[in-house]
């Protein structure tokens, strides 16, 4: 009986996760004074081609707008589902083309290596936006937001708020969605993260100003079921690197 229940649970999770994309967000914290081009060349000429070979596209590579220190590089990778993520990561270990293209990166000495570690988080897409939306080619400002919740119930209520109402508001006011994900592995849990894109900062500011007065937002923000859903908000402004596919 226990074995049967385990098999059913695995099949159910595979089915439900299989309908929605899984996102990996990598954050590389660069070492000051180290040659960042080693990392850039690895991502552009080794990692992205290897992922493309596995039919993984729309890989975004960004740096923060401004002169934040230490400098960080953000890579967002959309997988078809959680199994696709696992199979891709395992497949890279035996991909000879990937190994050849990564040779300089892998053989760089510790003294010249561009970063110490990178942080990875995994997200499952929302029901209301199960797949990434590729932004306009004119987009130069990407806003990455993380909403922390004080417990799991609060997070699920906030996700419901997005699925049932906020996506429509975003569309109405011009907050151009790229992806929305519930974090399933990584720091700051429980939380969700989303990315929106704009032509420039002027469009971003003007369109956010439309959000608060929107009639639907004014309605739902008063509902008791959505009280105390967000405990902290973190916001980062990003710009794509030249070889980013977003």
C-alpha atoms as a PDB file:
ATOM      1  CA  UNK A   1       0.000   0.000   0.000  1.00  0.00           C
ATOM      2  CA  UNK A   2       2.789   2.423   0.916  1.00  0.00           C
ATOM      3  CA  UNK A   3       4.619   1.715  -2.360  1.00  0.00           C
ATOM      4  CA  UNK A   4       1.422   2.268  -4.363  1.00  0.00           C
ATOM      5  CA  UNK A   5       0.786   5.575  -2.594  1.00  0.00           C
ATOM      6  CA  UNK A   6       4.349   6.708  -3.333  1.00  0.00           C
ATOM      7  CA  UNK A   7       3.995   5.900  -7.047  1.00  0.00           C
ATOM      8  CA  UNK A   8       0.665   7.750  -7.251  1.00  0.00           C
ATOM      9  CA  UNK A   9       2.172  10.761  -5.471  1.00  0.00           C
ATOM     10  CA  UNK A  10       5.125  10.874  -7.867  1.00  0.00           C
ATOM     11  CA  UNK A  11       2.848  10.615 -10.894  1.00  0.00           C
ATOM     12  CA  UNK A  12       0.571  13.355  -9.562  1.00  0.00           C
ATOM     13  CA  UNK A  13       3.469  15.711  -8.902  1.00  0.00           C
ATOM     14  CA  UNK A  14       4.976  15.011 -12.325  1.00  0.00           C
ATOM     15  CA  UNK A  15       1.637  15.730 -14.004  1.00  0.00           C
ATOM     16  CA  UNK A  16       0.871  18.933 -12.133  1.00  0.00           C
ATOM     17  CA  UNK A  17       4.428  20.295 -12.380  1.00  0.00           C
ATOM     18  CA  UNK A  18       4.598  19.211 -16.025  1.00  0.00           C
ATOM     19  CA  UNK A  19       1.907  21.707 -17.005  1.00  0.00           C
ATOM     20  CA  UNK A  20       3.926  24.670 -15.765  1.00  0.00           C
ATOM     21  CA  UNK A  21       7.457  25.833 -16.439  1.00  0.00           C
ATOM     22  CA  UNK A  22      10.198  25.654 -13.834  1.00  0.00           C
ATOM     23  CA  UNK A  23      12.633  28.567 -13.581  1.00  0.00           C
ATOM     24  CA  UNK A  24      16.193  28.509 -12.369  1.00  0.00           C
ATOM     25  CA  UNK A  25      17.526  31.869 -11.236  1.00  0.00           C
ATOM     26  CA  UNK A  26      21.292  31.986 -10.843  1.00  0.00           C
ATOM     27  CA  UNK A  27      22.960  34.920  -9.113  1.00  0.00           C
ATOM     28  CA  UNK A  28      26.716  35.276  -9.606  1.00  0.00           C
ATOM     29  CA  UNK A  29      28.497  37.644  -7.228  1.00  0.00           C
ATOM     30  CA  UNK A  30      31.608  38.830  -9.031  1.00  0.00           C
ATOM     31  CA  UNK A  31      34.994  39.176  -7.386  1.00  0.00           C
ATOM     32  CA  UNK A  32      36.248  42.746  -7.533  1.00  0.00           C
ATOM     33  CA  UNK A  33      39.110  43.137  -9.993  1.00  0.00           C
ATOM     34  CA  UNK A  34      38.724  39.691 -11.539  1.00  0.00           C
ATOM     35  CA  UNK A  35      38.178  39.208 -15.310  1.00  0.00           C
ATOM     36  CA  UNK A  36      34.410  38.952 -15.679  1.00  0.00           C
ATOM     37  CA  UNK A  37      34.767  38.175 -19.403  1.00  0.00           C
ATOM     38  CA  UNK A  38      35.631  34.588 -18.433  1.00  0.00           C
ATOM     39  CA  UNK A  39      32.137  34.172 -16.969  1.00  0.00           C
ATOM     40  CA  UNK A  40      30.479  36.079 -19.818  1.00  0.00           C
ATOM     41  CA  UNK A  41      32.196  33.914 -22.447  1.00  0.00           C
ATOM     42  CA  UNK A  42      31.186  30.760 -20.581  1.00  0.00           C
ATOM     43  CA  UNK A  43      27.526  31.769 -20.417  1.00  0.00           C
ATOM     44  CA  UNK A  44      27.367  33.021 -24.023  1.00  0.00           C
ATOM     45  CA  UNK A  45      29.488  30.417 -25.802  1.00  0.00           C
ATOM     46  CA  UNK A  46      29.099  27.314 -23.647  1.00  0.00           C
ATOM     47  CA  UNK A  47      26.076  27.342 -21.309  1.00  0.00           C
ATOM     48  CA  UNK A  48      23.488  28.939 -23.618  1.00  0.00           C
ATOM     49  CA  UNK A  49      24.372  26.754 -26.667  1.00  0.00           C
ATOM     50  CA  UNK A  50      24.264  23.624 -24.494  1.00  0.00           C
ATOM     51  CA  UNK A  51      20.853  24.587 -23.124  1.00  0.00           C
ATOM     52  CA  UNK A  52      19.603  25.444 -26.612  1.00  0.00           C
ATOM     53  CA  UNK A  53      20.652  21.963 -27.732  1.00  0.00           C
ATOM     54  CA  UNK A  54      18.289  20.657 -25.054  1.00  0.00           C
ATOM     55  CA  UNK A  55      15.493  22.851 -26.475  1.00  0.00           C
ATOM     56  CA  UNK A  56      15.753  25.359 -23.644  1.00  0.00           C
ATOM     57  CA  UNK A  57      15.460  28.878 -25.027  1.00  0.00           C
ATOM     58  CA  UNK A  58      14.715  32.447 -23.873  1.00  0.00           C
ATOM     59  CA  UNK A  59      17.605  32.450 -21.407  1.00  0.00           C
ATOM     60  CA  UNK A  60      17.992  35.861 -19.817  1.00  0.00           C
ATOM     61  CA  UNK A  61      21.321  37.287 -18.654  1.00  0.00           C
ATOM     62  CA  UNK A  62      21.294  40.575 -16.754  1.00  0.00           C
ATOM     63  CA  UNK A  63      23.328  42.958 -14.669  1.00  0.00           C
ATOM     64  CA  UNK A  64      22.012  45.480 -12.175  1.00  0.00           C
ATOM     65  CA  UNK A  65      21.297  49.025 -13.318  1.00  0.00           C
ATOM     66  CA  UNK A  66      23.640  51.402 -11.521  1.00  0.00           C
ATOM     67  CA  UNK A  67      26.949  50.820  -9.776  1.00  0.00           C
ATOM     68  CA  UNK A  68      25.991  48.344  -7.062  1.00  0.00           C
ATOM     69  CA  UNK A  69      28.914  46.672  -5.308  1.00  0.00           C
ATOM     70  CA  UNK A  70      29.630  43.833  -5.329  1.00  0.00           C
ATOM     71  CA  UNK A  71      28.539  43.482  -8.941  1.00  0.00           C
ATOM     72  CA  UNK A  72      26.097  40.648  -9.625  1.00  0.00           C
ATOM     73  CA  UNK A  73      25.056  38.809 -12.770  1.00  0.00           C
ATOM     74  CA  UNK A  74      21.592  37.245 -12.981  1.00  0.00           C
ATOM     75  CA  UNK A  75      20.743  34.316 -15.251  1.00  0.00           C
ATOM     76  CA  UNK A  76      17.161  33.097 -15.657  1.00  0.00           C
ATOM     77  CA  UNK A  77      16.637  29.703 -17.328  1.00  0.00           C
ATOM     78  CA  UNK A  78      13.130  28.440 -18.187  1.00  0.00           C
ATOM     79  CA  UNK A  79      12.715  24.653 -18.167  1.00  0.00           C
ATOM     80  CA  UNK A  80       9.630  22.871 -19.487  1.00  0.00           C
ATOM     81  CA  UNK A  81       9.097  21.148 -16.119  1.00  0.00           C
ATOM     82  CA  UNK A  82      11.011  19.813 -13.115  1.00  0.00           C
ATOM     83  CA  UNK A  83      12.026  16.638 -14.956  1.00  0.00           C
ATOM     84  CA  UNK A  84      13.448  18.734 -17.785  1.00  0.00           C
ATOM     85  CA  UNK A  85      15.562  20.610 -15.246  1.00  0.00           C
ATOM     86  CA  UNK A  86      16.984  17.404 -13.769  1.00  0.00           C
ATOM     87  CA  UNK A  87      17.632  15.747 -17.123  1.00  0.00           C
ATOM     88  CA  UNK A  88      19.355  18.848 -18.478  1.00  0.00           C
ATOM     89  CA  UNK A  89      21.647  19.258 -15.486  1.00  0.00           C
ATOM     90  CA  UNK A  90      22.588  15.579 -15.628  1.00  0.00           C
ATOM     91  CA  UNK A  91      23.040  15.691 -19.400  1.00  0.00           C
ATOM     92  CA  UNK A  92      25.587  18.515 -19.248  1.00  0.00           C
ATOM     93  CA  UNK A  93      27.938  16.222 -17.326  1.00  0.00           C
ATOM     94  CA  UNK A  94      28.398  14.029 -20.398  1.00  0.00           C
ATOM     95  CA  UNK A  95      27.999  16.650 -23.152  1.00  0.00           C
ATOM     96  CA  UNK A  96      31.343  16.689 -24.963  1.00  0.00           C
ATOM     97  CA  UNK A  97      30.557  19.856 -26.931  1.00  0.00           C
ATOM     98  CA  UNK A  98      29.734  21.630 -23.689  1.00  0.00           C
ATOM     99  CA  UNK A  99      32.940  20.391 -22.078  1.00  0.00           C
ATOM    100  CA  UNK A 100      35.043  21.617 -25.005  1.00  0.00           C
ATOM    101  CA  UNK A 101      33.370  25.028 -25.095  1.00  0.00           C
ATOM    102  CA  UNK A 102      33.788  25.334 -21.292  1.00  0.00           C
ATOM    103  CA  UNK A 103      37.473  24.468 -21.270  1.00  0.00           C
ATOM    104  CA  UNK A 104      38.865  27.951 -20.571  1.00  0.00           C
ATOM    105  CA  UNK A 105      36.266  28.578 -17.857  1.00  0.00           C
ATOM    106  CA  UNK A 106      36.883  25.205 -16.204  1.00  0.00           C
ATOM    107  CA  UNK A 107      40.677  25.557 -16.367  1.00  0.00           C
ATOM    108  CA  UNK A 108      40.880  29.142 -15.088  1.00  0.00           C
ATOM    109  CA  UNK A 109      43.023  29.352 -11.965  1.00  0.00           C
ATOM    110  CA  UNK A 110      41.460  30.155  -8.569  1.00  0.00           C
ATOM    111  CA  UNK A 111      43.390  33.440  -8.547  1.00  0.00           C
ATOM    112  CA  UNK A 112      41.723  34.624 -11.780  1.00  0.00           C
ATOM    113  CA  UNK A 113      38.274  33.092 -11.366  1.00  0.00           C
ATOM    114  CA  UNK A 114      35.537  35.755 -11.630  1.00  0.00           C
ATOM    115  CA  UNK A 115      33.357  34.643  -8.694  1.00  0.00           C
ATOM    116  CA  UNK A 116      33.518  32.554  -5.521  1.00  0.00           C
ATOM    117  CA  UNK A 117      30.102  30.862  -5.685  1.00  0.00           C
ATOM    118  CA  UNK A 118      26.776  31.339  -7.388  1.00  0.00           C
ATOM    119  CA  UNK A 119      23.365  31.020  -5.781  1.00  0.00           C
ATOM    120  CA  UNK A 120      20.560  29.073  -7.445  1.00  0.00           C
ATOM    121  CA  UNK A 121      16.840  29.275  -6.745  1.00  0.00           C
ATOM    122  CA  UNK A 122      14.088  27.195  -8.353  1.00  0.00           C
ATOM    123  CA  UNK A 123      10.543  28.360  -9.023  1.00  0.00           C
ATOM    124  CA  UNK A 124       7.360  26.734 -10.300  1.00  0.00           C
ATOM    125  CA  UNK A 125       5.272  28.973 -12.561  1.00  0.00           C
ATOM    126  CA  UNK A 126       1.868  30.251 -11.467  1.00  0.00           C
ATOM    127  CA  UNK A 127      -1.337  28.711 -12.824  1.00  0.00           C
ATOM    128  CA  UNK A 128      -2.287  32.115 -14.207  1.00  0.00           C
ATOM    129  CA  UNK A 129       0.990  32.451 -16.137  1.00  0.00           C
ATOM    130  CA  UNK A 130       2.287  28.911 -16.714  1.00  0.00           C
ATOM    131  CA  UNK A 131       4.868  29.885 -19.332  1.00  0.00           C
ATOM    132  CA  UNK A 132       7.329  32.729 -19.730  1.00  0.00           C
ATOM    133  CA  UNK A 133       6.369  35.643 -21.978  1.00  0.00           C
ATOM    134  CA  UNK A 134       9.239  36.940 -24.107  1.00  0.00           C
ATOM    135  CA  UNK A 135       9.302  40.728 -23.738  1.00  0.00           C
ATOM    136  CA  UNK A 136       9.430  43.310 -26.502  1.00  0.00           C
ATOM    137  CA  UNK A 137      12.836  43.786 -28.132  1.00  0.00           C
ATOM    138  CA  UNK A 138      12.604  47.428 -27.073  1.00  0.00           C
ATOM    139  CA  UNK A 139      12.695  46.486 -23.370  1.00  0.00           C
ATOM    140  CA  UNK A 140      15.716  47.931 -21.587  1.00  0.00           C
ATOM    141  CA  UNK A 141      14.502  47.915 -17.968  1.00  0.00           C
ATOM    142  CA  UNK A 142      13.620  44.664 -16.192  1.00  0.00           C
ATOM    143  CA  UNK A 143      12.205  44.783 -12.689  1.00  0.00           C
ATOM    144  CA  UNK A 144      12.776  41.688 -10.546  1.00  0.00           C
ATOM    145  CA  UNK A 145      10.568  41.582  -7.451  1.00  0.00           C
ATOM    146  CA  UNK A 146      10.521  39.127  -4.561  1.00  0.00           C
ATOM    147  CA  UNK A 147       7.618  39.037  -2.111  1.00  0.00           C
ATOM    148  CA  UNK A 148       8.275  37.264   1.162  1.00  0.00           C
ATOM    149  CA  UNK A 149       5.364  35.870   3.168  1.00  0.00           C
ATOM    150  CA  UNK A 150       5.360  35.197   6.898  1.00  0.00           C
ATOM    151  CA  UNK A 151       4.084  31.628   6.381  1.00  0.00           C
ATOM    152  CA  UNK A 152       3.008  29.225   3.645  1.00  0.00           C
ATOM    153  CA  UNK A 153      -0.677  30.077   3.884  1.00  0.00           C
ATOM    154  CA  UNK A 154       0.019  33.781   3.364  1.00  0.00           C
ATOM    155  CA  UNK A 155       2.091  32.954   0.277  1.00  0.00           C
ATOM    156  CA  UNK A 156      -0.666  30.828  -1.241  1.00  0.00           C
ATOM    157  CA  UNK A 157      -3.193  33.582  -0.652  1.00  0.00           C
ATOM    158  CA  UNK A 158      -0.932  36.086  -2.431  1.00  0.00           C
ATOM    159  CA  UNK A 159      -0.481  33.699  -5.350  1.00  0.00           C
ATOM    160  CA  UNK A 160      -4.266  33.333  -5.532  1.00  0.00           C
ATOM    161  CA  UNK A 161      -4.536  37.107  -5.592  1.00  0.00           C
ATOM    162  CA  UNK A 162      -2.290  37.191  -8.658  1.00  0.00           C
ATOM    163  CA  UNK A 163      -4.005  34.298 -10.419  1.00  0.00           C
ATOM    164  CA  UNK A 164      -7.527  35.600  -9.923  1.00  0.00           C
ATOM    165  CA  UNK A 165      -7.099  39.371 -10.230  1.00  0.00           C
ATOM    166  CA  UNK A 166      -3.659  40.937 -10.421  1.00  0.00           C
ATOM    167  CA  UNK A 167      -2.596  39.531 -13.792  1.00  0.00           C
ATOM    168  CA  UNK A 168      -5.517  41.342 -15.401  1.00  0.00           C
ATOM    169  CA  UNK A 169      -4.562  44.562 -13.613  1.00  0.00           C
ATOM    170  CA  UNK A 170      -0.953  44.208 -14.783  1.00  0.00           C
ATOM    171  CA  UNK A 171      -2.173  43.870 -18.371  1.00  0.00           C
ATOM    172  CA  UNK A 172      -4.490  46.862 -18.031  1.00  0.00           C
ATOM    173  CA  UNK A 173      -1.841  49.261 -16.717  1.00  0.00           C
ATOM    174  CA  UNK A 174       1.145  48.087 -18.777  1.00  0.00           C
ATOM    175  CA  UNK A 175       3.223  46.098 -16.279  1.00  0.00           C
ATOM    176  CA  UNK A 176       4.552  43.697 -18.899  1.00  0.00           C
ATOM    177  CA  UNK A 177       4.884  40.238 -17.330  1.00  0.00           C
ATOM    178  CA  UNK A 178       7.877  38.026 -18.152  1.00  0.00           C
ATOM    179  CA  UNK A 179       7.539  35.288 -15.521  1.00  0.00           C
ATOM    180  CA  UNK A 180       5.981  34.624 -12.114  1.00  0.00           C
ATOM    181  CA  UNK A 181       7.197  31.809  -9.881  1.00  0.00           C
ATOM    182  CA  UNK A 182       6.657  30.299  -6.457  1.00  0.00           C
ATOM    183  CA  UNK A 183      10.030  29.454  -4.955  1.00  0.00           C
ATOM    184  CA  UNK A 184      10.431  25.730  -4.343  1.00  0.00           C
ATOM    185  CA  UNK A 185      14.144  25.766  -3.426  1.00  0.00           C
ATOM    186  CA  UNK A 186      16.467  28.526  -2.312  1.00  0.00           C
ATOM    187  CA  UNK A 187      16.737  31.304   0.300  1.00  0.00           C
ATOM    188  CA  UNK A 188      13.996  33.607   1.641  1.00  0.00           C
ATOM    189  CA  UNK A 189      11.279  30.943   1.610  1.00  0.00           C
ATOM    190  CA  UNK A 190       8.343  31.143   1.619  1.00  0.00           C
ATOM    191  CA  UNK A 191       8.329  33.673  -1.199  1.00  0.00           C
ATOM    192  CA  UNK A 192       7.471  34.361  -4.809  1.00  0.00           C
ATOM    193  CA  UNK A 193       9.472  36.170  -7.465  1.00  0.00           C
ATOM    194  CA  UNK A 194       8.392  37.809 -10.672  1.00  0.00           C
ATOM    195  CA  UNK A 195       9.894  39.803 -13.528  1.00  0.00           C
ATOM    196  CA  UNK A 196       8.280  42.594 -15.528  1.00  0.00           C
ATOM    197  CA  UNK A 197       9.760  44.526 -18.459  1.00  0.00           C
ATOM    198  CA  UNK A 198       9.600  48.086 -19.755  1.00  0.00           C
ATOM    199  CA  UNK A 199      10.896  50.147 -22.646  1.00  0.00           C
ATOM    200  CA  UNK A 200      12.572  52.505 -20.184  1.00  0.00           C
ATOM    201  CA  UNK A 201      12.345  53.800 -16.632  1.00  0.00           C
ATOM    202  CA  UNK A 202       9.888  56.490 -17.665  1.00  0.00           C
ATOM    203  CA  UNK A 203       7.395  53.878 -18.871  1.00  0.00           C
ATOM    204  CA  UNK A 204       7.979  51.873 -15.714  1.00  0.00           C
ATOM    205  CA  UNK A 205       7.236  54.790 -13.396  1.00  0.00           C
ATOM    206  CA  UNK A 206       4.203  55.979 -15.366  1.00  0.00           C
ATOM    207  CA  UNK A 207       2.604  52.533 -15.523  1.00  0.00           C
ATOM    208  CA  UNK A 208       3.175  51.715 -11.847  1.00  0.00           C
ATOM    209  CA  UNK A 209       1.396  54.955 -10.978  1.00  0.00           C
ATOM    210  CA  UNK A 210      -1.707  53.555 -12.682  1.00  0.00           C
ATOM    211  CA  UNK A 211      -1.686  50.413 -10.541  1.00  0.00           C
ATOM    212  CA  UNK A 212      -2.781  51.739  -7.147  1.00  0.00           C
ATOM    213  CA  UNK A 213      -5.878  53.635  -8.379  1.00  0.00           C
ATOM    214  CA  UNK A 214      -7.058  50.749 -10.596  1.00  0.00           C
ATOM    215  CA  UNK A 215     -10.653  49.847  -9.569  1.00  0.00           C
ATOM    216  CA  UNK A 216      -9.955  46.129  -9.331  1.00  0.00           C
ATOM    217  CA  UNK A 217      -6.940  46.695  -7.093  1.00  0.00           C
ATOM    218  CA  UNK A 218      -8.985  48.989  -4.875  1.00  0.00           C
ATOM    219  CA  UNK A 219     -11.568  46.216  -4.599  1.00  0.00           C
ATOM    220  CA  UNK A 220      -9.322  43.246  -3.852  1.00  0.00           C
ATOM    221  CA  UNK A 221      -6.975  45.066  -1.479  1.00  0.00           C
ATOM    222  CA  UNK A 222      -9.934  45.463   0.882  1.00  0.00           C
ATOM    223  CA  UNK A 223     -10.788  41.754   0.972  1.00  0.00           C
ATOM    224  CA  UNK A 224     -10.073  40.027   4.324  1.00  0.00           C
ATOM    225  CA  UNK A 225      -8.739  36.898   2.605  1.00  0.00           C
ATOM    226  CA  UNK A 226      -5.810  38.903   1.248  1.00  0.00           C
ATOM    227  CA  UNK A 227      -4.770  40.552   4.505  1.00  0.00           C
ATOM    228  CA  UNK A 228      -1.165  40.065   5.656  1.00  0.00           C
ATOM    229  CA  UNK A 229      -0.016  38.217   2.547  1.00  0.00           C
ATOM    230  CA  UNK A 230       3.302  40.064   2.050  1.00  0.00           C
ATOM    231  CA  UNK A 231       5.807  40.699   4.825  1.00  0.00           C
ATOM    232  CA  UNK A 232       8.718  42.105   2.764  1.00  0.00           C
ATOM    233  CA  UNK A 233       9.318  43.243  -0.799  1.00  0.00           C
ATOM    234  CA  UNK A 234      12.723  43.247  -2.506  1.00  0.00           C
ATOM    235  CA  UNK A 235      13.185  45.016  -5.835  1.00  0.00           C
ATOM    236  CA  UNK A 236      16.087  45.000  -8.298  1.00  0.00           C
ATOM    237  CA  UNK A 237      16.355  46.861 -11.600  1.00  0.00           C
ATOM    238  CA  UNK A 238      18.200  44.961 -14.311  1.00  0.00           C
ATOM    239  CA  UNK A 239      19.400  45.525 -17.848  1.00  0.00           C
ATOM    240  CA  UNK A 240      20.120  42.720 -20.324  1.00  0.00           C
ATOM    241  CA  UNK A 241      23.658  41.937 -21.391  1.00  0.00           C
ATOM    242  CA  UNK A 242      24.265  41.954 -25.160  1.00  0.00           C
ATOM    243  CA  UNK A 243      24.000  38.164 -25.460  1.00  0.00           C
ATOM    244  CA  UNK A 244      20.847  37.830 -23.340  1.00  0.00           C
ATOM    245  CA  UNK A 245      17.948  36.124 -25.113  1.00  0.00           C
ATOM    246  CA  UNK A 246      15.333  38.134 -23.188  1.00  0.00           C
END
